[in-house]
PDB file of N, CA and C in Angstrom:
ATOM      1  N   ASP A   1     -11.564  10.676 -11.033  1.00  0.00           N
ATOM      2  CA  ASP A   1     -11.797  10.764  -9.599  1.00  0.00           C
ATOM      3  C   ASP A   1     -10.987   9.690  -8.891  1.00  0.00           C
ATOM      4  N   GLU A   2     -10.173  10.097  -7.919  1.00  0.00           N
ATOM      5  CA  GLU A   2      -9.278   9.159  -7.255  1.00  0.00           C
ATOM      6  C   GLU A   2     -10.019   8.147  -6.376  1.00  0.00           C
ATOM      7  N   ASP A   3     -11.213   8.437  -6.023  1.00  0.00           N
ATOM      8  CA  ASP A   3     -11.955   7.556  -5.125  1.00  0.00           C
ATOM      9  C   ASP A   3     -13.006   6.727  -5.861  1.00  0.00           C
ATOM     10  N   ASP A   4     -12.771   6.449  -7.139  1.00  0.00           N
ATOM     11  CA  ASP A   4     -13.766   5.717  -7.902  1.00  0.00           C
ATOM     12  C   ASP A   4     -13.778   4.235  -7.533  1.00  0.00           C
ATOM     13  N   ILE A   5     -14.883   3.617  -7.777  1.00  0.00           N
ATOM     14  CA  ILE A   5     -15.112   2.220  -7.393  1.00  0.00           C
ATOM     15  C   ILE A   5     -14.213   1.260  -8.169  1.00  0.00           C
ATOM     16  N   GLN A   6     -13.853   1.588  -9.396  1.00  0.00           N
ATOM     17  CA  GLN A   6     -12.989   0.708 -10.185  1.00  0.00           C
ATOM     18  C   GLN A   6     -11.620   0.550  -9.531  1.00  0.00           C
ATOM     19  N   THR A   7     -11.084   1.643  -8.999  1.00  0.00           N
ATOM     20  CA  THR A   7      -9.795   1.581  -8.308  1.00  0.00           C
ATOM     21  C   THR A   7      -9.904   0.709  -7.071  1.00  0.00           C
ATOM     22  N   LYS A   8     -10.978   0.894  -6.317  1.00  0.00           N
ATOM     23  CA  LYS A   8     -11.163   0.089  -5.111  1.00  0.00           C
ATOM     24  C   LYS A   8     -11.259  -1.392  -5.456  1.00  0.00           C
ATOM     25  N   LEU A   9     -12.011  -1.722  -6.490  1.00  0.00           N
ATOM     26  CA  LEU A   9     -12.144  -3.121  -6.887  1.00  0.00           C
ATOM     27  C   LEU A   9     -10.810  -3.719  -7.304  1.00  0.00           C
ATOM     28  N   LEU A  10     -10.006  -2.966  -8.023  1.00  0.00           N
ATOM     29  CA  LEU A  10      -8.693  -3.442  -8.444  1.00  0.00           C
ATOM     30  C   LEU A  10      -7.777  -3.696  -7.242  1.00  0.00           C
ATOM     31  N   VAL A  11      -7.747  -2.751  -6.315  1.00  0.00           N
ATOM     32  CA  VAL A  11      -6.909  -2.905  -5.120  1.00  0.00           C
ATOM     33  C   VAL A  11      -7.412  -4.069  -4.272  1.00  0.00           C
ATOM     34  N   ASP A  12      -8.723  -4.181  -4.109  1.00  0.00           N
ATOM     35  CA  ASP A  12      -9.289  -5.294  -3.339  1.00  0.00           C
ATOM     36  C   ASP A  12      -8.942  -6.642  -3.976  1.00  0.00           C
ATOM     37  N   PHE A  13      -9.000  -6.707  -5.300  1.00  0.00           N
ATOM     38  CA  PHE A  13      -8.651  -7.935  -6.000  1.00  0.00           C
ATOM     39  C   PHE A  13      -7.187  -8.311  -5.736  1.00  0.00           C
ATOM     40  N   ALA A  14      -6.300  -7.345  -5.888  1.00  0.00           N
ATOM     41  CA  ALA A  14      -4.873  -7.612  -5.636  1.00  0.00           C
ATOM     42  C   ALA A  14      -4.658  -8.041  -4.189  1.00  0.00           C
ATOM     43  N   ASN A  15      -5.343  -7.397  -3.250  1.00  0.00           N
ATOM     44  CA  ASN A  15      -5.220  -7.771  -1.841  1.00  0.00           C
ATOM     45  C   ASN A  15      -5.657  -9.217  -1.609  1.00  0.00           C
ATOM     46  N   CYS A  16      -6.770  -9.610  -2.220  1.00  0.00           N
ATOM     47  CA  CYS A  16      -7.275 -10.980  -2.069  1.00  0.00           C
ATOM     48  C   CYS A  16      -6.262 -11.998  -2.598  1.00  0.00           C
ATOM     49  N   VAL A  17      -5.666 -11.685  -3.741  1.00  0.00           N
ATOM     50  CA  VAL A  17      -4.666 -12.592  -4.314  1.00  0.00           C
ATOM     51  C   VAL A  17      -3.479 -12.727  -3.361  1.00  0.00           C
ATOM     52  N   LEU A  18      -2.981 -11.605  -2.845  1.00  0.00           N
ATOM     53  CA  LEU A  18      -1.826 -11.640  -1.954  1.00  0.00           C
ATOM     54  C   LEU A  18      -2.157 -12.364  -0.645  1.00  0.00           C
ATOM     55  N   GLN A  19      -3.317 -12.066  -0.080  1.00  0.00           N
ATOM     56  CA  GLN A  19      -3.700 -12.680   1.186  1.00  0.00           C
ATOM     57  C   GLN A  19      -3.980 -14.165   1.045  1.00  0.00           C
ATOM     58  N   SER A  20      -4.360 -14.602  -0.152  1.00  0.00           N
ATOM     59  CA  SER A  20      -4.639 -16.019  -0.389  1.00  0.00           C
ATOM     60  C   SER A  20      -3.379 -16.824  -0.664  1.00  0.00           C
ATOM     61  N   GLY A  21      -2.270 -16.128  -0.830  1.00  0.00           N
ATOM     62  CA  GLY A  21      -1.012 -16.819  -1.078  1.00  0.00           C
ATOM     63  C   GLY A  21      -0.896 -17.414  -2.469  1.00  0.00           C
ATOM     64  N   LEU A  22      -1.591 -16.830  -3.425  1.00  0.00           N
ATOM     65  CA  LEU A  22      -1.514 -17.311  -4.796  1.00  0.00           C
ATOM     66  C   LEU A  22      -0.251 -16.747  -5.450  1.00  0.00           C
ATOM     67  N   ASN A  23       0.871 -17.369  -5.152  1.00  0.00           N
ATOM     68  CA  ASN A  23       2.170 -16.837  -5.551  1.00  0.00           C
ATOM     69  C   ASN A  23       2.395 -16.817  -7.056  1.00  0.00           C
ATOM     70  N   ASP A  24       1.712 -17.645  -7.793  1.00  0.00           N
ATOM     71  CA  ASP A  24       1.942 -17.719  -9.229  1.00  0.00           C
ATOM     72  C   ASP A  24       0.882 -16.977 -10.040  1.00  0.00           C
ATOM     73  N   PHE A  25       0.015 -16.236  -9.387  1.00  0.00           N
ATOM     74  CA  PHE A  25      -1.065 -15.556 -10.086  1.00  0.00           C
ATOM     75  C   PHE A  25      -0.555 -14.366 -10.896  1.00  0.00           C
ATOM     76  N   PHE A  26       0.252 -13.509 -10.253  1.00  0.00           N
ATOM     77  CA  PHE A  26       0.801 -12.333 -10.911  1.00  0.00           C
ATOM     78  C   PHE A  26       2.234 -12.599 -11.351  1.00  0.00           C
ATOM     79  N   PHE A  27       2.647 -11.963 -12.431  1.00  0.00           N
ATOM     80  CA  PHE A  27       4.061 -11.917 -12.773  1.00  0.00           C
ATOM     81  C   PHE A  27       4.726 -10.913 -11.835  1.00  0.00           C
ATOM     82  N   SER A  28       6.003 -11.103 -11.574  1.00  0.00           N
ATOM     83  CA  SER A  28       6.695 -10.162 -10.688  1.00  0.00           C
ATOM     84  C   SER A  28       6.647  -8.739 -11.265  1.00  0.00           C
ATOM     85  N   SER A  29       6.676  -8.620 -12.581  1.00  0.00           N
ATOM     86  CA  SER A  29       6.592  -7.285 -13.193  1.00  0.00           C
ATOM     87  C   SER A  29       5.234  -6.632 -12.909  1.00  0.00           C
ATOM     88  N   ASP A  30       4.166  -7.431 -12.849  1.00  0.00           N
ATOM     89  CA  ASP A  30       2.843  -6.895 -12.507  1.00  0.00           C
ATOM     90  C   ASP A  30       2.846  -6.325 -11.097  1.00  0.00           C
ATOM     91  N   LEU A  31       3.442  -7.066 -10.190  1.00  0.00           N
ATOM     92  CA  LEU A  31       3.480  -6.629  -8.798  1.00  0.00           C
ATOM     93  C   LEU A  31       4.360  -5.398  -8.627  1.00  0.00           C
ATOM     94  N   LYS A  32       5.418  -5.303  -9.399  1.00  0.00           N
ATOM     95  CA  LYS A  32       6.263  -4.109  -9.327  1.00  0.00           C
ATOM     96  C   LYS A  32       5.499  -2.879  -9.800  1.00  0.00           C
ATOM     97  N   VAL A  33       4.663  -3.040 -10.813  1.00  0.00           N
ATOM     98  CA  VAL A  33       3.822  -1.928 -11.264  1.00  0.00           C
ATOM     99  C   VAL A  33       2.841  -1.549 -10.159  1.00  0.00           C
ATOM    100  N   LEU A  34       2.237  -2.540  -9.528  1.00  0.00           N
ATOM    101  CA  LEU A  34       1.313  -2.283  -8.421  1.00  0.00           C
ATOM    102  C   LEU A  34       2.024  -1.530  -7.293  1.00  0.00           C
ATOM    103  N   ILE A  35       3.231  -1.950  -6.971  1.00  0.00           N
ATOM    104  CA  ILE A  35       4.006  -1.279  -5.925  1.00  0.00           C
ATOM    105  C   ILE A  35       4.292   0.167  -6.320  1.00  0.00           C
ATOM    106  N   ASP A  36       4.633   0.383  -7.578  1.00  0.00           N
ATOM    107  CA  ASP A  36       4.861   1.749  -8.058  1.00  0.00           C
ATOM    108  C   ASP A  36       3.597   2.597  -7.939  1.00  0.00           C
ATOM    109  N   VAL A  37       2.444   1.981  -8.197  1.00  0.00           N
ATOM    110  CA  VAL A  37       1.171   2.692  -8.055  1.00  0.00           C
ATOM    111  C   VAL A  37       0.941   3.045  -6.580  1.00  0.00           C
ATOM    112  N   TYR A  38       1.163   2.104  -5.676  1.00  0.00           N
ATOM    113  CA  TYR A  38       1.006   2.392  -4.251  1.00  0.00           C
ATOM    114  C   TYR A  38       1.923   3.546  -3.836  1.00  0.00           C
ATOM    115  N   GLU A  39       3.157   3.491  -4.304  1.00  0.00           N
ATOM    116  CA  GLU A  39       4.117   4.543  -3.966  1.00  0.00           C
ATOM    117  C   GLU A  39       3.629   5.909  -4.475  1.00  0.00           C
ATOM    118  N   ARG A  40       3.124   5.939  -5.692  1.00  0.00           N
ATOM    119  CA  ARG A  40       2.633   7.180  -6.291  1.00  0.00           C
ATOM    120  C   ARG A  40       1.395   7.695  -5.549  1.00  0.00           C
ATOM    121  N   VAL A  41       0.483   6.796  -5.191  1.00  0.00           N
ATOM    122  CA  VAL A  41      -0.720   7.217  -4.459  1.00  0.00           C
ATOM    123  C   VAL A  41      -0.336   7.791  -3.098  1.00  0.00           C
ATOM    124  N   LEU A  42       0.595   7.141  -2.427  1.00  0.00           N
ATOM    125  CA  LEU A  42       1.043   7.664  -1.133  1.00  0.00           C
ATOM    126  C   LEU A  42       1.700   9.035  -1.290  1.00  0.00           C
ATOM    127  N   HIS A  43       2.453   9.186  -2.355  1.00  0.00           N
ATOM    128  CA  HIS A  43       3.156  10.457  -2.579  1.00  0.00           C
ATOM    129  C   HIS A  43       2.193  11.584  -2.949  1.00  0.00           C
ATOM    130  N   ASN A  44       1.240  11.289  -3.815  1.00  0.00           N
ATOM    131  CA  ASN A  44       0.353  12.327  -4.353  1.00  0.00           C
ATOM    132  C   ASN A  44      -1.037  12.324  -3.752  1.00  0.00           C
ATOM    133  N   GLY A  45      -1.320  11.324  -2.954  1.00  0.00           N
ATOM    134  CA  GLY A  45      -2.690  11.125  -2.496  1.00  0.00           C
ATOM    135  C   GLY A  45      -3.192  12.152  -1.515  1.00  0.00           C
ATOM    136  N   ASN A  46      -4.479  12.268  -1.501  1.00  0.00           N
ATOM    137  CA  ASN A  46      -5.185  13.117  -0.563  1.00  0.00           C
ATOM    138  C   ASN A  46      -5.482  12.264   0.668  1.00  0.00           C
ATOM    139  N   ILE A  47      -4.924  12.629   1.808  1.00  0.00           N
ATOM    140  CA  ILE A  47      -5.126  11.797   3.001  1.00  0.00           C
ATOM    141  C   ILE A  47      -6.559  11.844   3.501  1.00  0.00           C
ATOM    142  N   GLU A  48      -7.343  12.746   2.965  1.00  0.00           N
ATOM    143  CA  GLU A  48      -8.750  12.805   3.357  1.00  0.00           C
ATOM    144  C   GLU A  48      -9.638  12.007   2.419  1.00  0.00           C
ATOM    145  N   GLY A  49      -9.088  11.481   1.337  1.00  0.00           N
ATOM    146  CA  GLY A  49      -9.856  10.681   0.393  1.00  0.00           C
ATOM    147  C   GLY A  49      -9.831   9.212   0.760  1.00  0.00           C
ATOM    148  N   GLU A  50     -10.747   8.462   0.190  1.00  0.00           N
ATOM    149  CA  GLU A  50     -10.812   7.021   0.446  1.00  0.00           C
ATOM    150  C   GLU A  50      -9.632   6.271  -0.153  1.00  0.00           C
ATOM    151  N   SER A  51      -9.058   6.795  -1.225  1.00  0.00           N
ATOM    152  CA  SER A  51      -7.987   6.064  -1.902  1.00  0.00           C
ATOM    153  C   SER A  51      -6.789   5.826  -0.992  1.00  0.00           C
ATOM    154  N   ILE A  52      -6.549   6.705  -0.046  1.00  0.00           N
ATOM    155  CA  ILE A  52      -5.415   6.496   0.866  1.00  0.00           C
ATOM    156  C   ILE A  52      -5.652   5.250   1.715  1.00  0.00           C
ATOM    157  N   ASN A  53      -6.890   5.020   2.121  1.00  0.00           N
ATOM    158  CA  ASN A  53      -7.212   3.822   2.905  1.00  0.00           C
ATOM    159  C   ASN A  53      -7.047   2.563   2.070  1.00  0.00           C
ATOM    160  N   TRP A  54      -7.460   2.627   0.808  1.00  0.00           N
ATOM    161  CA  TRP A  54      -7.296   1.477  -0.081  1.00  0.00           C
ATOM    162  C   TRP A  54      -5.821   1.174  -0.260  1.00  0.00           C
ATOM    163  N   CYS A  55      -5.033   2.218  -0.413  1.00  0.00           N
ATOM    164  CA  CYS A  55      -3.593   2.050  -0.602  1.00  0.00           C
ATOM    165  C   CYS A  55      -2.949   1.461   0.651  1.00  0.00           C
ATOM    166  N   VAL A  56      -3.339   1.949   1.808  1.00  0.00           N
ATOM    167  CA  VAL A  56      -2.809   1.427   3.073  1.00  0.00           C
ATOM    168  C   VAL A  56      -3.118  -0.058   3.184  1.00  0.00           C
ATOM    169  N   ASN A  57      -4.345  -0.446   2.868  1.00  0.00           N
ATOM    170  CA  ASN A  57      -4.713  -1.865   2.915  1.00  0.00           C
ATOM    171  C   ASN A  57      -3.887  -2.674   1.922  1.00  0.00           C
ATOM    172  N   GLY A  58      -3.643  -2.101   0.750  1.00  0.00           N
ATOM    173  CA  GLY A  58      -2.839  -2.786  -0.256  1.00  0.00           C
ATOM    174  C   GLY A  58      -1.395  -2.960   0.174  1.00  0.00           C
ATOM    175  N   VAL A  59      -0.809  -1.918   0.717  1.00  0.00           N
ATOM    176  CA  VAL A  59       0.585  -1.999   1.178  1.00  0.00           C
ATOM    177  C   VAL A  59       0.695  -2.989   2.336  1.00  0.00           C
ATOM    178  N   GLU A  60      -0.287  -2.996   3.214  1.00  0.00           N
ATOM    179  CA  GLU A  60      -0.283  -3.957   4.322  1.00  0.00           C
ATOM    180  C   GLU A  60      -0.314  -5.393   3.795  1.00  0.00           C
ATOM    181  N   ALA A  61      -1.201  -5.661   2.850  1.00  0.00           N
ATOM    182  CA  ALA A  61      -1.278  -7.009   2.269  1.00  0.00           C
ATOM    183  C   ALA A  61       0.037  -7.370   1.586  1.00  0.00           C
ATOM    184  N   LEU A  62       0.623  -6.421   0.892  1.00  0.00           N
ATOM    185  CA  LEU A  62       1.890  -6.644   0.201  1.00  0.00           C
ATOM    186  C   LEU A  62       3.000  -6.982   1.188  1.00  0.00           C
ATOM    187  N   PHE A  63       3.150  -6.175   2.235  1.00  0.00           N
ATOM    188  CA  PHE A  63       4.213  -6.391   3.217  1.00  0.00           C
ATOM    189  C   PHE A  63       4.049  -7.722   3.956  1.00  0.00           C
ATOM    190  N   LYS A  64       2.807  -8.155   4.143  1.00  0.00           N
ATOM    191  CA  LYS A  64       2.565  -9.415   4.854  1.00  0.00           C
ATOM    192  C   LYS A  64       2.671 -10.639   3.948  1.00  0.00           C
ATOM    193  N   TRP A  65       2.649 -10.426   2.648  1.00  0.00           N
ATOM    194  CA  TRP A  65       2.755 -11.519   1.687  1.00  0.00           C
ATOM    195  C   TRP A  65       4.170 -12.064   1.691  1.00  0.00           C
ATOM    196  N   ASN A  66       4.321 -13.363   1.888  1.00  0.00           N
ATOM    197  CA  ASN A  66       5.647 -13.990   1.962  1.00  0.00           C
ATOM    198  C   ASN A  66       6.475 -13.757   0.704  1.00  0.00           C
ATOM    199  N   GLY A  67       5.825 -13.717  -0.438  1.00  0.00           N
ATOM    200  CA  GLY A  67       6.533 -13.530  -1.692  1.00  0.00           C
ATOM    201  C   GLY A  67       7.170 -12.161  -1.844  1.00  0.00           C
ATOM    202  N   TYR A  68       6.732 -11.197  -1.035  1.00  0.00           N
ATOM    203  CA  TYR A  68       7.320  -9.862  -1.125  1.00  0.00           C
ATOM    204  C   TYR A  68       8.803  -9.909  -0.773  1.00  0.00           C
ATOM    205  N   ALA A  69       9.137 -10.669   0.235  1.00  0.00           N
ATOM    206  CA  ALA A  69      10.545 -10.798   0.625  1.00  0.00           C
ATOM    207  C   ALA A  69      11.279 -11.798  -0.259  1.00  0.00           C
ATOM    208  N   THR A  70      10.629 -12.925  -0.555  1.00  0.00           N
ATOM    209  CA  THR A  70      11.331 -13.992  -1.260  1.00  0.00           C
ATOM    210  C   THR A  70      11.387 -13.790  -2.766  1.00  0.00           C
ATOM    211  N   GLU A  71      10.279 -13.387  -3.364  1.00  0.00           N
ATOM    212  CA  GLU A  71      10.226 -13.272  -4.825  1.00  0.00           C
ATOM    213  C   GLU A  71      10.554 -11.873  -5.332  1.00  0.00           C
ATOM    214  N   LEU A  72      10.191 -10.860  -4.567  1.00  0.00           N
ATOM    215  CA  LEU A  72      10.406  -9.486  -5.020  1.00  0.00           C
ATOM    216  C   LEU A  72      11.549  -8.795  -4.287  1.00  0.00           C
ATOM    217  N   ASN A  73      12.173  -9.500  -3.359  1.00  0.00           N
ATOM    218  CA  ASN A  73      13.312  -8.953  -2.617  1.00  0.00           C
ATOM    219  C   ASN A  73      12.979  -7.598  -1.991  1.00  0.00           C
ATOM    220  N   LYS A  74      11.738  -7.478  -1.486  1.00  0.00           N
ATOM    221  CA  LYS A  74      11.231  -6.260  -0.839  1.00  0.00           C
ATOM    222  C   LYS A  74      11.395  -5.030  -1.733  1.00  0.00           C
ATOM    223  N   TYR A  75      10.999  -5.193  -2.988  1.00  0.00           N
ATOM    224  CA  TYR A  75      11.078  -4.137  -4.001  1.00  0.00           C
ATOM    225  C   TYR A  75      10.495  -2.824  -3.486  1.00  0.00           C
ATOM    226  N   HIS A  76      11.295  -1.788  -3.483  1.00  0.00           N
ATOM    227  CA  HIS A  76      10.923  -0.416  -3.115  1.00  0.00           C
ATOM    228  C   HIS A  76      10.410  -0.278  -1.678  1.00  0.00           C
ATOM    229  N   LYS A  77      10.789  -1.178  -0.792  1.00  0.00           N
ATOM    230  CA  LYS A  77      10.286  -1.071   0.583  1.00  0.00           C
ATOM    231  C   LYS A  77      10.745   0.223   1.244  1.00  0.00           C
ATOM    232  N   ASP A  78      12.006   0.592   1.070  1.00  0.00           N
ATOM    233  CA  ASP A  78      12.487   1.837   1.674  1.00  0.00           C
ATOM    234  C   ASP A  78      11.720   3.041   1.134  1.00  0.00           C
ATOM    235  N   GLU A  79      11.482   3.051  -0.171  1.00  0.00           N
ATOM    236  CA  GLU A  79      10.751   4.157  -0.783  1.00  0.00           C
ATOM    237  C   GLU A  79       9.305   4.215  -0.289  1.00  0.00           C
ATOM    238  N   LEU A  80       8.676   3.048  -0.195  1.00  0.00           N
ATOM    239  CA  LEU A  80       7.310   3.004   0.330  1.00  0.00           C
ATOM    240  C   LEU A  80       7.260   3.507   1.767  1.00  0.00           C
ATOM    241  N   CYS A  81       8.219   3.088   2.575  1.00  0.00           N
ATOM    242  CA  CYS A  81       8.245   3.516   3.979  1.00  0.00           C
ATOM    243  C   CYS A  81       8.476   5.021   4.105  1.00  0.00           C
ATOM    244  N   LEU A  82       9.284   5.595   3.230  1.00  0.00           N
ATOM    245  CA  LEU A  82       9.468   7.057   3.238  1.00  0.00           C
ATOM    246  C   LEU A  82       8.160   7.773   2.910  1.00  0.00           C
ATOM    247  N   GLU A  83       7.436   7.262   1.941  1.00  0.00           N
ATOM    248  CA  GLU A  83       6.152   7.860   1.590  1.00  0.00           C
ATOM    249  C   GLU A  83       5.134   7.676   2.718  1.00  0.00           C
ATOM    250  N   VAL A  84       5.154   6.506   3.347  1.00  0.00           N
ATOM    251  CA  VAL A  84       4.262   6.255   4.480  1.00  0.00           C
ATOM    252  C   VAL A  84       4.582   7.225   5.614  1.00  0.00           C
ATOM    253  N   LYS A  85       5.853   7.424   5.900  1.00  0.00           N
ATOM    254  CA  LYS A  85       6.270   8.344   6.971  1.00  0.00           C
ATOM    255  C   LYS A  85       5.772   9.759   6.673  1.00  0.00           C
ATOM    256  N   SER A  86       5.887  10.168   5.426  1.00  0.00           N
ATOM    257  CA  SER A  86       5.396  11.494   5.038  1.00  0.00           C
ATOM    258  C   SER A  86       3.883  11.595   5.250  1.00  0.00           C
ATOM    259  N   CYS A  87       3.167  10.526   4.924  1.00  0.00           N
ATOM    260  CA  CYS A  87       1.710  10.502   5.139  1.00  0.00           C
ATOM    261  C   CYS A  87       1.363  10.519   6.621  1.00  0.00           C
ATOM    262  N   VAL A  88       2.164   9.835   7.442  1.00  0.00           N
ATOM    263  CA  VAL A  88       1.949   9.858   8.898  1.00  0.00           C
ATOM    264  C   VAL A  88       2.053  11.299   9.393  1.00  0.00           C
ATOM    265  N   ASP A  89       3.124  11.976   8.994  1.00  0.00           N
ATOM    266  CA  ASP A  89       3.315  13.366   9.417  1.00  0.00           C
ATOM    267  C   ASP A  89       2.157  14.246   8.954  1.00  0.00           C
ATOM    268  N   ASN A  90       1.719  14.049   7.732  1.00  0.00           N
ATOM    269  CA  ASN A  90       0.608  14.818   7.179  1.00  0.00           C
ATOM    270  C   ASN A  90      -0.690  14.524   7.931  1.00  0.00           C
ATOM    271  N   ALA A  91      -0.914  13.254   8.241  1.00  0.00           N
ATOM    272  CA  ALA A  91      -2.129  12.875   8.976  1.00  0.00           C
ATOM    273  C   ALA A  91      -2.130  13.482  10.380  1.00  0.00           C
ATOM    274  N   ILE A  92      -0.978  13.466  11.048  1.00  0.00           N
ATOM    275  CA  ILE A  92      -0.885  14.061  12.390  1.00  0.00           C
ATOM    276  C   ILE A  92      -1.143  15.563  12.310  1.00  0.00           C
ATOM    277  N   GLU A  93      -0.539  16.195  11.313  1.00  0.00           N
ATOM    278  CA  GLU A  93      -0.724  17.637  11.122  1.00  0.00           C
ATOM    279  C   GLU A  93      -2.197  17.978  10.922  1.00  0.00           C
ATOM    280  N   ASN A  94      -2.940  17.081  10.273  1.00  0.00           N
ATOM    281  CA  ASN A  94      -4.365  17.298  10.019  1.00  0.00           C
ATOM    282  C   ASN A  94      -5.265  16.631  11.060  1.00  0.00           C
ATOM    283  N   GLU A  95      -4.663  16.216  12.163  1.00  0.00           N
ATOM    284  CA  GLU A  95      -5.376  15.610  13.292  1.00  0.00           C
ATOM    285  C   GLU A  95      -6.183  14.379  12.907  1.00  0.00           C
ATOM    286  N   GLN A  96      -5.638  13.609  11.979  1.00  0.00           N
ATOM    287  CA  GLN A  96      -6.250  12.336  11.585  1.00  0.00           C
ATOM    288  C   GLN A  96      -5.441  11.213  12.246  1.00  0.00           C
ATOM    289  N   PHE A  97      -5.625  11.092  13.536  1.00  0.00           N
ATOM    290  CA  PHE A  97      -4.779  10.218  14.331  1.00  0.00           C
ATOM    291  C   PHE A  97      -5.023   8.733  14.060  1.00  0.00           C
ATOM    292  N   ASP A  98      -6.253   8.358  13.726  1.00  0.00           N
ATOM    293  CA  ASP A  98      -6.518   6.955  13.384  1.00  0.00           C
ATOM    294  C   ASP A  98      -5.744   6.555  12.131  1.00  0.00           C
ATOM    295  N   LEU A  99      -5.787   7.408  11.125  1.00  0.00           N
ATOM    296  CA  LEU A  99      -5.045   7.143   9.899  1.00  0.00           C
ATOM    297  C   LEU A  99      -3.541   7.131  10.167  1.00  0.00           C
ATOM    298  N   ALA A 100      -3.064   8.056  10.964  1.00  0.00           N
ATOM    299  CA  ALA A 100      -1.639   8.109  11.295  1.00  0.00           C
ATOM    300  C   ALA A 100      -1.201   6.811  11.972  1.00  0.00           C
ATOM    301  N   GLY A 101      -2.027   6.301  12.879  1.00  0.00           N
ATOM    302  CA  GLY A 101      -1.697   5.047  13.558  1.00  0.00           C
ATOM    303  C   GLY A 101      -1.675   3.867  12.606  1.00  0.00           C
ATOM    304  N   LYS A 102      -2.639   3.828  11.702  1.00  0.00           N
ATOM    305  CA  LYS A 102      -2.699   2.739  10.725  1.00  0.00           C
ATOM    306  C   LYS A 102      -1.492   2.787   9.789  1.00  0.00           C
ATOM    307  N   LEU A 103      -1.131   3.983   9.351  1.00  0.00           N
ATOM    308  CA  LEU A 103       0.044   4.148   8.500  1.00  0.00           C
ATOM    309  C   LEU A 103       1.321   3.760   9.238  1.00  0.00           C
ATOM    310  N   ASP A 104       1.420   4.193  10.478  1.00  0.00           N
ATOM    311  CA  ASP A 104       2.616   3.901  11.281  1.00  0.00           C
ATOM    312  C   ASP A 104       2.811   2.399  11.451  1.00  0.00           C
ATOM    313  N   THR A 105       1.712   1.675  11.574  1.00  0.00           N
ATOM    314  CA  THR A 105       1.783   0.218  11.716  1.00  0.00           C
ATOM    315  C   THR A 105       2.441  -0.432  10.500  1.00  0.00           C
ATOM    316  N   LEU A 106       2.239   0.145   9.317  1.00  0.00           N
ATOM    317  CA  LEU A 106       2.843  -0.417   8.099  1.00  0.00           C
ATOM    318  C   LEU A 106       4.360  -0.471   8.202  1.00  0.00           C
ATOM    319  N   MET A 107       4.945   0.539   8.799  1.00  0.00           N
ATOM    320  CA  MET A 107       6.410   0.597   8.861  1.00  0.00           C
ATOM    321  C   MET A 107       6.989  -0.424   9.825  1.00  0.00           C
ATOM    322  N   ARG A 108       6.153  -1.017  10.638  1.00  0.00           N
ATOM    323  CA  ARG A 108       6.608  -2.009  11.621  1.00  0.00           C
ATOM    324  C   ARG A 108       6.504  -3.442  11.118  1.00  0.00           C
ATOM    325  N   ILE A 109       5.902  -3.634   9.954  1.00  0.00           N
ATOM    326  CA  ILE A 109       5.753  -4.983   9.391  1.00  0.00           C
ATOM    327  C   ILE A 109       7.079  -5.409   8.789  1.00  0.00           C
ATOM    328  N   GLU A 110       7.558  -6.545   9.233  1.00  0.00           N
ATOM    329  CA  GLU A 110       8.846  -7.044   8.722  1.00  0.00           C
ATOM    330  C   GLU A 110       8.616  -7.783   7.482  1.00  0.00           C
TER     331      GLU A 110
END
């Protein structure tokens, strides 16, 4: 089940680490795997499920983390933004305007 509590706890944990600025907690390879997971969830995710919200929160924390630009050289940012754009279009098509707005905000984070 894509909306299971274990997934939410894992994403919340990663978000807390990124938001706390614990730059040495994860290896860069760990974060690249996490980014690949976010990309896959955005690509395959159900916009009506909770997992899309968890992913949006995770991508937001990632984009705002200073190490994303400095340590990971914005790994897969273009790919993530393409998936986010596709989700925005899908959310608008399904009249989920709050989600579309939240997703759209991700693409504006430098």
